[in-house]
N, C-alpha and C. Protein backbone atom coordinates (compact mmCIF):
# COMPACT_ATOMS: atom_id res chain seq x y z
N MET A 1 160.38 103.27 -111.23
CA MET A 1 159.84 104.58 -110.96
C MET A 1 160.56 105.60 -111.84
N LYS A 2 159.79 106.35 -112.57
CA LYS A 2 160.35 107.36 -113.47
C LYS A 2 160.64 108.64 -112.69
N ILE A 3 161.45 109.50 -113.29
CA ILE A 3 161.82 110.77 -112.64
C ILE A 3 160.58 111.64 -112.44
N LYS A 4 159.62 111.53 -113.36
CA LYS A 4 158.38 112.30 -113.23
C LYS A 4 157.63 111.87 -111.97
N ASP A 5 157.62 110.57 -111.70
CA ASP A 5 156.96 110.06 -110.50
C ASP A 5 157.69 110.49 -109.24
N ILE A 6 159.02 110.51 -109.31
CA ILE A 6 159.82 110.91 -108.16
C ILE A 6 159.57 112.38 -107.83
N ARG A 7 159.49 113.22 -108.84
CA ARG A 7 159.27 114.65 -108.61
C ARG A 7 157.87 114.92 -108.06
N ALA A 8 156.92 114.03 -108.33
CA ALA A 8 155.55 114.22 -107.85
C ALA A 8 155.41 113.93 -106.36
N LEU A 9 156.37 113.20 -105.78
CA LEU A 9 156.30 112.85 -104.36
C LEU A 9 156.68 114.03 -103.48
N SER A 10 156.10 114.06 -102.29
CA SER A 10 156.49 115.09 -101.32
C SER A 10 157.85 114.71 -100.73
N THR A 11 158.45 115.63 -100.02
CA THR A 11 159.77 115.39 -99.45
C THR A 11 159.75 114.24 -98.46
N GLU A 12 158.72 114.20 -97.62
CA GLU A 12 158.63 113.12 -96.62
C GLU A 12 158.39 111.77 -97.29
N GLU A 13 157.55 111.73 -98.30
CA GLU A 13 157.31 110.49 -99.03
C GLU A 13 158.59 110.01 -99.71
N LEU A 14 159.35 110.96 -100.21
CA LEU A 14 160.62 110.63 -100.87
C LEU A 14 161.61 110.02 -99.88
N ARG A 15 161.68 110.59 -98.68
CA ARG A 15 162.57 110.03 -97.65
C ARG A 15 162.15 108.61 -97.28
N GLN A 16 160.85 108.37 -97.19
CA GLN A 16 160.36 107.03 -96.87
C GLN A 16 160.69 106.05 -97.98
N GLN A 17 160.52 106.48 -99.22
CA GLN A 17 160.83 105.62 -100.36
C GLN A 17 162.32 105.27 -100.39
N VAL A 18 163.18 106.24 -100.08
CA VAL A 18 164.62 105.99 -100.06
C VAL A 18 164.94 104.95 -99.00
N ALA A 19 164.34 105.08 -97.83
CA ALA A 19 164.59 104.12 -96.74
C ALA A 19 164.14 102.72 -97.15
N GLN A 20 162.98 102.62 -97.79
CA GLN A 20 162.47 101.33 -98.22
C GLN A 20 163.37 100.71 -99.28
N GLU A 21 163.81 101.52 -100.23
CA GLU A 21 164.67 101.00 -101.30
C GLU A 21 166.03 100.55 -100.76
N LYS A 22 166.57 101.30 -99.80
CA LYS A 22 167.85 100.91 -99.21
C LYS A 22 167.73 99.57 -98.48
N GLU A 23 166.60 99.38 -97.80
CA GLU A 23 166.37 98.11 -97.11
C GLU A 23 166.23 96.97 -98.12
N ALA A 24 165.50 97.22 -99.19
CA ALA A 24 165.33 96.20 -100.23
C ALA A 24 166.67 95.87 -100.89
N LEU A 25 167.50 96.89 -101.10
CA LEU A 25 168.82 96.68 -101.70
C LEU A 25 169.69 95.82 -100.80
N SER A 26 169.66 96.08 -99.51
CA SER A 26 170.48 95.28 -98.61
C SER A 26 170.01 93.82 -98.59
N ARG A 27 168.68 93.61 -98.66
CA ARG A 27 168.17 92.24 -98.72
C ARG A 27 168.59 91.56 -100.01
N LEU A 28 168.57 92.30 -101.12
CA LEU A 28 168.99 91.74 -102.41
C LEU A 28 170.46 91.35 -102.37
N LYS A 29 171.29 92.22 -101.83
CA LYS A 29 172.73 91.93 -101.75
C LYS A 29 172.99 90.70 -100.88
N PHE A 30 172.27 90.61 -99.77
CA PHE A 30 172.44 89.47 -98.87
C PHE A 30 172.02 88.17 -99.57
N ALA A 31 170.87 88.21 -100.26
CA ALA A 31 170.39 87.03 -100.98
C ALA A 31 171.36 86.63 -102.08
N HIS A 32 171.95 87.61 -102.72
CA HIS A 32 172.89 87.34 -103.81
C HIS A 32 174.20 86.75 -103.27
N ALA A 33 174.58 87.14 -102.06
CA ALA A 33 175.81 86.62 -101.47
C ALA A 33 175.65 85.16 -101.07
N ILE A 34 174.46 84.80 -100.63
CA ILE A 34 174.21 83.42 -100.21
C ILE A 34 174.11 82.51 -101.41
N SER A 35 173.23 82.86 -102.33
CA SER A 35 173.12 82.10 -103.58
C SER A 35 172.77 83.09 -104.68
N PRO A 36 173.36 82.95 -105.84
CA PRO A 36 173.13 83.93 -106.91
C PRO A 36 171.65 84.08 -107.25
N ILE A 37 171.19 85.35 -107.27
CA ILE A 37 169.80 85.59 -107.62
C ILE A 37 169.62 85.46 -109.13
N GLU A 38 168.38 85.24 -109.56
CA GLU A 38 168.13 84.97 -110.98
C GLU A 38 168.38 86.18 -111.86
N ASN A 39 168.23 87.39 -111.31
CA ASN A 39 168.45 88.58 -112.11
C ASN A 39 169.33 89.57 -111.34
N PRO A 40 170.64 89.47 -111.45
CA PRO A 40 171.51 90.36 -110.68
C PRO A 40 171.44 91.82 -111.12
N MET A 41 170.81 92.09 -112.25
CA MET A 41 170.65 93.48 -112.70
C MET A 41 169.70 94.25 -111.78
N ARG A 42 168.89 93.53 -110.99
CA ARG A 42 167.98 94.19 -110.06
C ARG A 42 168.76 94.99 -109.03
N ILE A 43 169.97 94.53 -108.68
CA ILE A 43 170.80 95.26 -107.72
C ILE A 43 171.21 96.61 -108.31
N ARG A 44 171.64 96.59 -109.56
CA ARG A 44 172.06 97.83 -110.22
C ARG A 44 170.88 98.79 -110.38
N THR A 45 169.72 98.26 -110.76
CA THR A 45 168.54 99.10 -110.95
C THR A 45 168.12 99.75 -109.63
N SER A 46 168.19 98.97 -108.57
CA SER A 46 167.83 99.49 -107.26
C SER A 46 168.78 100.60 -106.82
N ARG A 47 170.08 100.39 -107.05
CA ARG A 47 171.08 101.41 -106.70
C ARG A 47 170.83 102.70 -107.47
N LYS A 48 170.52 102.58 -108.74
CA LYS A 48 170.29 103.77 -109.57
C LYS A 48 169.02 104.50 -109.14
N LEU A 49 168.00 103.75 -108.75
CA LEU A 49 166.76 104.38 -108.28
C LEU A 49 167.02 105.16 -107.00
N ILE A 50 167.80 104.59 -106.09
CA ILE A 50 168.15 105.29 -104.85
C ILE A 50 168.91 106.57 -105.18
N ALA A 51 169.81 106.50 -106.13
CA ALA A 51 170.60 107.68 -106.52
C ALA A 51 169.69 108.77 -107.10
N ARG A 52 168.72 108.37 -107.92
CA ARG A 52 167.79 109.36 -108.49
C ARG A 52 166.99 110.04 -107.40
N MET A 53 166.52 109.25 -106.44
CA MET A 53 165.72 109.83 -105.36
C MET A 53 166.56 110.74 -104.48
N MET A 54 167.80 110.35 -104.19
CA MET A 54 168.67 111.18 -103.37
C MET A 54 169.03 112.47 -104.10
N THR A 55 169.21 112.40 -105.40
CA THR A 55 169.49 113.60 -106.18
C THR A 55 168.34 114.58 -106.09
N GLU A 56 167.11 114.08 -106.20
CA GLU A 56 165.94 114.93 -106.09
C GLU A 56 165.82 115.53 -104.69
N LEU A 57 166.12 114.74 -103.67
CA LEU A 57 166.09 115.27 -102.30
C LEU A 57 167.12 116.38 -102.11
N ASN A 58 168.31 116.18 -102.62
CA ASN A 58 169.35 117.20 -102.49
C ASN A 58 169.01 118.46 -103.28
N ALA A 59 168.30 118.32 -104.38
CA ALA A 59 167.92 119.48 -105.18
C ALA A 59 166.89 120.34 -104.44
N ARG A 60 166.10 119.70 -103.60
CA ARG A 60 165.08 120.44 -102.85
C ARG A 60 165.73 121.15 -101.69
């Protein structure tokens, strides 16, 4: 998701997206702890996406 797409979302949609991404991140971390996932960079990308969305929420 690009920053342009994040800015187009309403505040409530943004909060929902953050909650969904945090849940997905926790599932990724859990799966990685049990057995290494094929692309561990997905964890970093997910963390950065959450940070971008939270930054936009705080700016509003």
